[in-house]
N, C-alpha and C. Protein backbone atom coordinates (compact mmCIF):
# COMPACT_ATOMS: atom_id res chain seq x y z
N MET A 1 133.02 21.92 128.41
CA MET A 1 132.95 23.24 128.98
C MET A 1 131.69 23.94 128.47
N SER A 2 130.94 24.53 129.38
CA SER A 2 129.72 25.24 129.02
C SER A 2 130.05 26.58 128.37
N THR A 3 129.24 26.95 127.38
CA THR A 3 129.43 28.26 126.75
C THR A 3 128.59 29.34 127.41
N ASP A 4 127.71 28.93 128.36
CA ASP A 4 126.89 29.90 129.06
C ASP A 4 127.71 30.58 130.15
N PRO A 5 127.72 31.91 130.17
CA PRO A 5 128.46 32.58 131.24
C PRO A 5 127.74 32.42 132.57
N SER A 6 128.47 32.50 133.64
CA SER A 6 127.87 32.46 134.97
C SER A 6 126.97 33.67 135.13
N PRO A 7 125.90 33.51 135.89
CA PRO A 7 125.06 34.69 136.13
C PRO A 7 125.87 35.78 136.83
N ILE A 8 125.85 36.94 136.26
CA ILE A 8 126.52 38.09 136.87
C ILE A 8 125.56 39.26 136.84
N ASP A 9 125.77 40.19 137.73
CA ASP A 9 124.94 41.38 137.70
C ASP A 9 125.34 42.23 136.50
N ARG A 10 124.34 42.58 135.71
CA ARG A 10 124.54 43.46 134.57
C ARG A 10 123.80 44.75 134.88
N THR A 11 124.38 45.85 134.52
CA THR A 11 123.70 47.12 134.76
C THR A 11 123.40 47.82 133.45
N THR A 12 122.24 48.43 133.43
CA THR A 12 121.83 49.27 132.32
C THR A 12 121.44 50.61 132.93
N VAL A 13 122.01 51.67 132.41
CA VAL A 13 121.73 53.01 132.92
C VAL A 13 120.86 53.75 131.92
N LEU A 14 119.73 54.26 132.42
CA LEU A 14 118.81 55.03 131.59
C LEU A 14 118.87 56.48 132.02
N GLU A 15 118.96 57.38 131.07
CA GLU A 15 118.82 58.80 131.35
C GLU A 15 117.35 59.13 131.10
N VAL A 16 116.67 59.66 132.13
CA VAL A 16 115.22 59.88 132.06
C VAL A 16 114.88 61.34 132.33
N GLU A 17 114.09 61.92 131.44
CA GLU A 17 113.64 63.31 131.61
C GLU A 17 112.24 63.36 132.19
N GLY A 18 111.99 64.42 132.97
CA GLY A 18 110.64 64.68 133.45
C GLY A 18 110.37 64.31 134.89
N MET A 19 111.30 63.65 135.54
CA MET A 19 111.08 63.23 136.92
C MET A 19 111.41 64.40 137.85
N THR A 20 110.49 64.68 138.82
CA THR A 20 110.70 65.83 139.70
C THR A 20 110.55 65.52 141.19
N CYS A 21 110.07 64.32 141.53
CA CYS A 21 109.77 64.06 142.95
C CYS A 21 109.81 62.56 143.26
N GLY A 22 109.58 62.25 144.53
CA GLY A 22 109.57 60.86 144.98
C GLY A 22 108.49 60.03 144.31
N HIS A 23 107.35 60.64 144.02
CA HIS A 23 106.28 59.92 143.32
C HIS A 23 106.76 59.50 141.93
N CYS A 24 107.49 60.37 141.25
CA CYS A 24 108.05 60.04 139.93
C CYS A 24 108.99 58.84 140.04
N VAL A 25 109.85 58.88 141.04
CA VAL A 25 110.79 57.78 141.27
C VAL A 25 110.03 56.48 141.50
N SER A 26 109.00 56.52 142.33
CA SER A 26 108.21 55.31 142.61
C SER A 26 107.54 54.77 141.36
N ALA A 27 106.98 55.66 140.54
CA ALA A 27 106.28 55.22 139.34
C ALA A 27 107.23 54.55 138.36
N VAL A 28 108.39 55.15 138.14
CA VAL A 28 109.38 54.58 137.21
C VAL A 28 109.92 53.26 137.77
N THR A 29 110.23 53.24 139.05
CA THR A 29 110.76 52.02 139.68
C THR A 29 109.76 50.88 139.56
N ARG A 30 108.51 51.14 139.86
CA ARG A 30 107.46 50.11 139.81
C ARG A 30 107.34 49.53 138.40
N GLU A 31 107.32 50.39 137.39
CA GLU A 31 107.18 49.91 136.01
C GLU A 31 108.41 49.10 135.58
N LEU A 32 109.60 49.57 135.93
CA LEU A 32 110.81 48.85 135.53
C LEU A 32 110.95 47.51 136.25
N GLU A 33 110.50 47.43 137.50
CA GLU A 33 110.59 46.17 138.24
C GLU A 33 109.71 45.09 137.61
N ASP A 34 108.73 45.50 136.81
CA ASP A 34 107.87 44.53 136.12
C ASP A 34 108.47 43.99 134.83
N VAL A 35 109.59 44.58 134.38
CA VAL A 35 110.25 44.10 133.15
C VAL A 35 110.96 42.78 133.46
N LYS A 36 110.81 41.82 132.56
CA LYS A 36 111.42 40.49 132.73
C LYS A 36 112.93 40.62 132.99
N ASP A 37 113.40 39.88 133.96
CA ASP A 37 114.80 39.74 134.36
C ASP A 37 115.36 40.90 135.19
N VAL A 38 114.58 41.96 135.45
CA VAL A 38 115.06 43.06 136.28
C VAL A 38 115.06 42.61 137.74
N SER A 39 116.19 42.81 138.43
CA SER A 39 116.27 42.42 139.84
C SER A 39 116.33 43.62 140.79
N LYS A 40 116.77 44.77 140.28
CA LYS A 40 116.90 45.94 141.15
C LYS A 40 116.87 47.21 140.31
N VAL A 41 116.26 48.25 140.87
CA VAL A 41 116.22 49.56 140.21
C VAL A 41 116.64 50.61 141.22
N SER A 42 117.53 51.50 140.84
CA SER A 42 117.88 52.63 141.71
C SER A 42 117.87 53.90 140.87
N VAL A 43 117.53 55.01 141.52
CA VAL A 43 117.35 56.27 140.81
C VAL A 43 118.13 57.38 141.50
N ILE A 44 118.83 58.16 140.70
CA ILE A 44 119.41 59.42 141.17
C ILE A 44 118.54 60.51 140.56
N LEU A 45 117.70 61.11 141.40
CA LEU A 45 116.75 62.13 140.96
C LEU A 45 117.46 63.46 140.81
N ARG A 46 117.33 64.04 139.63
CA ARG A 46 117.86 65.38 139.37
C ARG A 46 116.68 66.25 138.97
N ASN A 47 116.04 66.84 139.97
CA ASN A 47 114.84 67.66 139.75
C ASN A 47 115.17 68.78 138.77
N GLY A 48 114.41 68.82 137.69
CA GLY A 48 114.63 69.83 136.67
C GLY A 48 115.69 69.44 135.66
N GLY A 49 116.26 68.27 135.83
CA GLY A 49 117.29 67.81 134.90
C GLY A 49 117.01 66.38 134.46
N THR A 50 118.03 65.74 133.97
CA THR A 50 117.91 64.37 133.52
C THR A 50 118.33 63.45 134.66
N SER A 51 117.40 62.60 135.11
CA SER A 51 117.68 61.67 136.21
C SER A 51 118.37 60.42 135.67
N GLU A 52 119.16 59.79 136.53
CA GLU A 52 119.87 58.57 136.16
C GLU A 52 119.21 57.38 136.84
N VAL A 53 118.75 56.44 136.04
CA VAL A 53 118.07 55.26 136.54
C VAL A 53 118.95 54.04 136.21
N THR A 54 119.39 53.34 137.25
CA THR A 54 120.22 52.15 137.06
C THR A 54 119.37 50.91 137.27
N VAL A 55 119.41 50.03 136.28
CA VAL A 55 118.63 48.80 136.32
C VAL A 55 119.62 47.64 136.37
N VAL A 56 119.45 46.75 137.35
CA VAL A 56 120.34 45.60 137.52
C VAL A 56 119.58 44.34 137.14
N SER A 57 120.28 43.45 136.45
CA SER A 57 119.69 42.17 136.03
C SER A 57 120.80 41.13 135.93
N ASP A 58 120.39 39.87 135.77
CA ASP A 58 121.40 38.84 135.53
C ASP A 58 121.32 38.34 134.09
N ALA A 59 120.62 39.11 133.24
CA ALA A 59 120.51 38.80 131.81
C ALA A 59 120.53 40.12 131.04
N VAL A 60 120.84 40.05 129.78
CA VAL A 60 120.78 41.24 128.94
C VAL A 60 119.31 41.65 128.82
N LEU A 61 119.04 42.92 129.04
CA LEU A 61 117.66 43.40 129.01
C LEU A 61 117.30 43.95 127.64
N ASP A 62 116.03 43.86 127.32
CA ASP A 62 115.50 44.38 126.06
C ASP A 62 115.32 45.89 126.21
N GLU A 63 116.08 46.65 125.44
CA GLU A 63 116.02 48.11 125.54
C GLU A 63 114.61 48.64 125.26
N ASP A 64 113.93 48.05 124.28
CA ASP A 64 112.57 48.50 123.96
C ASP A 64 111.63 48.30 125.15
N ALA A 65 111.80 47.21 125.88
CA ALA A 65 110.96 46.94 127.05
C ALA A 65 111.23 47.97 128.15
N LEU A 66 112.50 48.34 128.33
CA LEU A 66 112.84 49.35 129.33
C LEU A 66 112.25 50.70 128.96
N ARG A 67 112.40 51.08 127.69
CA ARG A 67 111.84 52.35 127.21
C ARG A 67 110.32 52.36 127.37
N ALA A 68 109.67 51.26 127.04
CA ALA A 68 108.21 51.17 127.15
C ALA A 68 107.76 51.30 128.60
N ALA A 69 108.51 50.72 129.53
CA ALA A 69 108.15 50.79 130.95
C ALA A 69 108.24 52.23 131.45
N VAL A 70 109.30 52.93 131.07
CA VAL A 70 109.46 54.32 131.50
C VAL A 70 108.37 55.18 130.85
N ASP A 71 108.07 54.91 129.60
CA ASP A 71 107.00 55.63 128.90
C ASP A 71 105.65 55.41 129.59
N GLU A 72 105.41 54.18 130.01
CA GLU A 72 104.16 53.83 130.71
C GLU A 72 104.03 54.63 132.02
N ALA A 73 105.17 54.89 132.65
CA ALA A 73 105.16 55.67 133.89
C ALA A 73 104.97 57.17 133.61
N GLY A 74 105.10 57.57 132.34
CA GLY A 74 104.86 58.95 131.97
C GLY A 74 106.11 59.80 131.75
N TYR A 75 107.25 59.14 131.53
CA TYR A 75 108.51 59.86 131.39
C TYR A 75 109.22 59.42 130.11
N THR A 76 110.32 60.10 129.78
CA THR A 76 111.01 59.86 128.52
C THR A 76 112.45 59.44 128.74
N VAL A 77 112.86 58.35 128.12
CA VAL A 77 114.24 57.90 128.13
C VAL A 77 114.98 58.66 127.03
N THR A 78 116.06 59.34 127.40
CA THR A 78 116.83 60.10 126.41
C THR A 78 118.11 59.37 126.00
N ALA A 79 118.57 58.43 126.81
CA ALA A 79 119.76 57.66 126.48
C ALA A 79 119.78 56.36 127.27
N VAL A 80 120.44 55.36 126.69
CA VAL A 80 120.59 54.05 127.35
C VAL A 80 122.04 53.64 127.23
N ARG A 81 122.61 53.20 128.35
CA ARG A 81 123.99 52.71 128.35
C ARG A 81 124.00 51.36 129.07
N ALA A 82 124.34 50.32 128.35
CA ALA A 82 124.42 48.99 128.96
C ALA A 82 125.87 48.70 129.33
N ASP A 83 126.11 48.43 130.60
CA ASP A 83 127.44 48.10 131.10
C ASP A 83 127.56 46.61 131.28
N ASN A 84 127.41 45.87 130.19
CA ASN A 84 127.40 44.40 130.28
C ASN A 84 128.81 43.94 130.21
């Protein structure tokens, strides 16, 4: 019996501050899609508040890489929740 689990979708939710428009969403999405193992990114934009960014993968993601990608886009991750 294999000890490797079957590939399943794993979600990581990032709370991101500073996003105010569609351009912000595009910039964050583009940077996160470049992170290894990321298969999908979706954003709930809360203009003037903390936006919720959901990242889907089939592997556990490196939190530092996710934070660095959002930082590269010019925004700040305030919380990370992995729903693995």
